[in-house]
């Protein structure tokens, strides 16, 4: 069975902040997004879960993601997702299949990390009740306009200015949660990291869905 992984992802980052930012949710969010956009690229390990209590769905996967601008590469539980910023190749190892599709900015399963960050810049942020004075600060984000997600929560380690977890809530009752660790920025990726090379996957069948 073909499994399609949601790749609407916001990524962890380390940034230098001020006391004002620590005590102002909107300021903390702005500094986070500003720092994110300043990176040339980044790599991170992550744990991904998708929960829908109404439909009794509980999925959990672990993997690694590499990002450079609108380009990304995700390796997670038997799948490799490669995008050059325009097209996306989903490599399914078990069935030796590759699905080629065009990125759709209006589809939450087909959106680049850079685009989702731009969308978050319009969210209204506030501290979640009971979390403002703790070391781990939880920001509750709600959209000022129609957006992909109704609500977003971000957990930040204020002692290190590091995003530890974020969750995205959509209108269908799905909750997508990402735990971030081993984050590294501005590294040298091998040539061809963000392009699909059929020589890497001999014997795989390519299905063009564009």
Foldseek 3Di string as FASTA:
>chain_A
DDDADQDLDAAKDFFDDDPVLLQFFLSLLVRRLVVVVPFQKKKWKKKKWKDFVVVGDIDIKTWMKIDGQQWIWIDIDQWIWFAPNFKIWIAHRVVLAIEIDTADCLDSRRGGNNSSSVQQNQWDWDWDPPQSPPQWTKIKTAHPDDDQFGIKIWTARNVRRITAKMWTAHPNRMIMMMGIDPMDTDDDDDPPPRPDDCVVRPPHYYDYPD
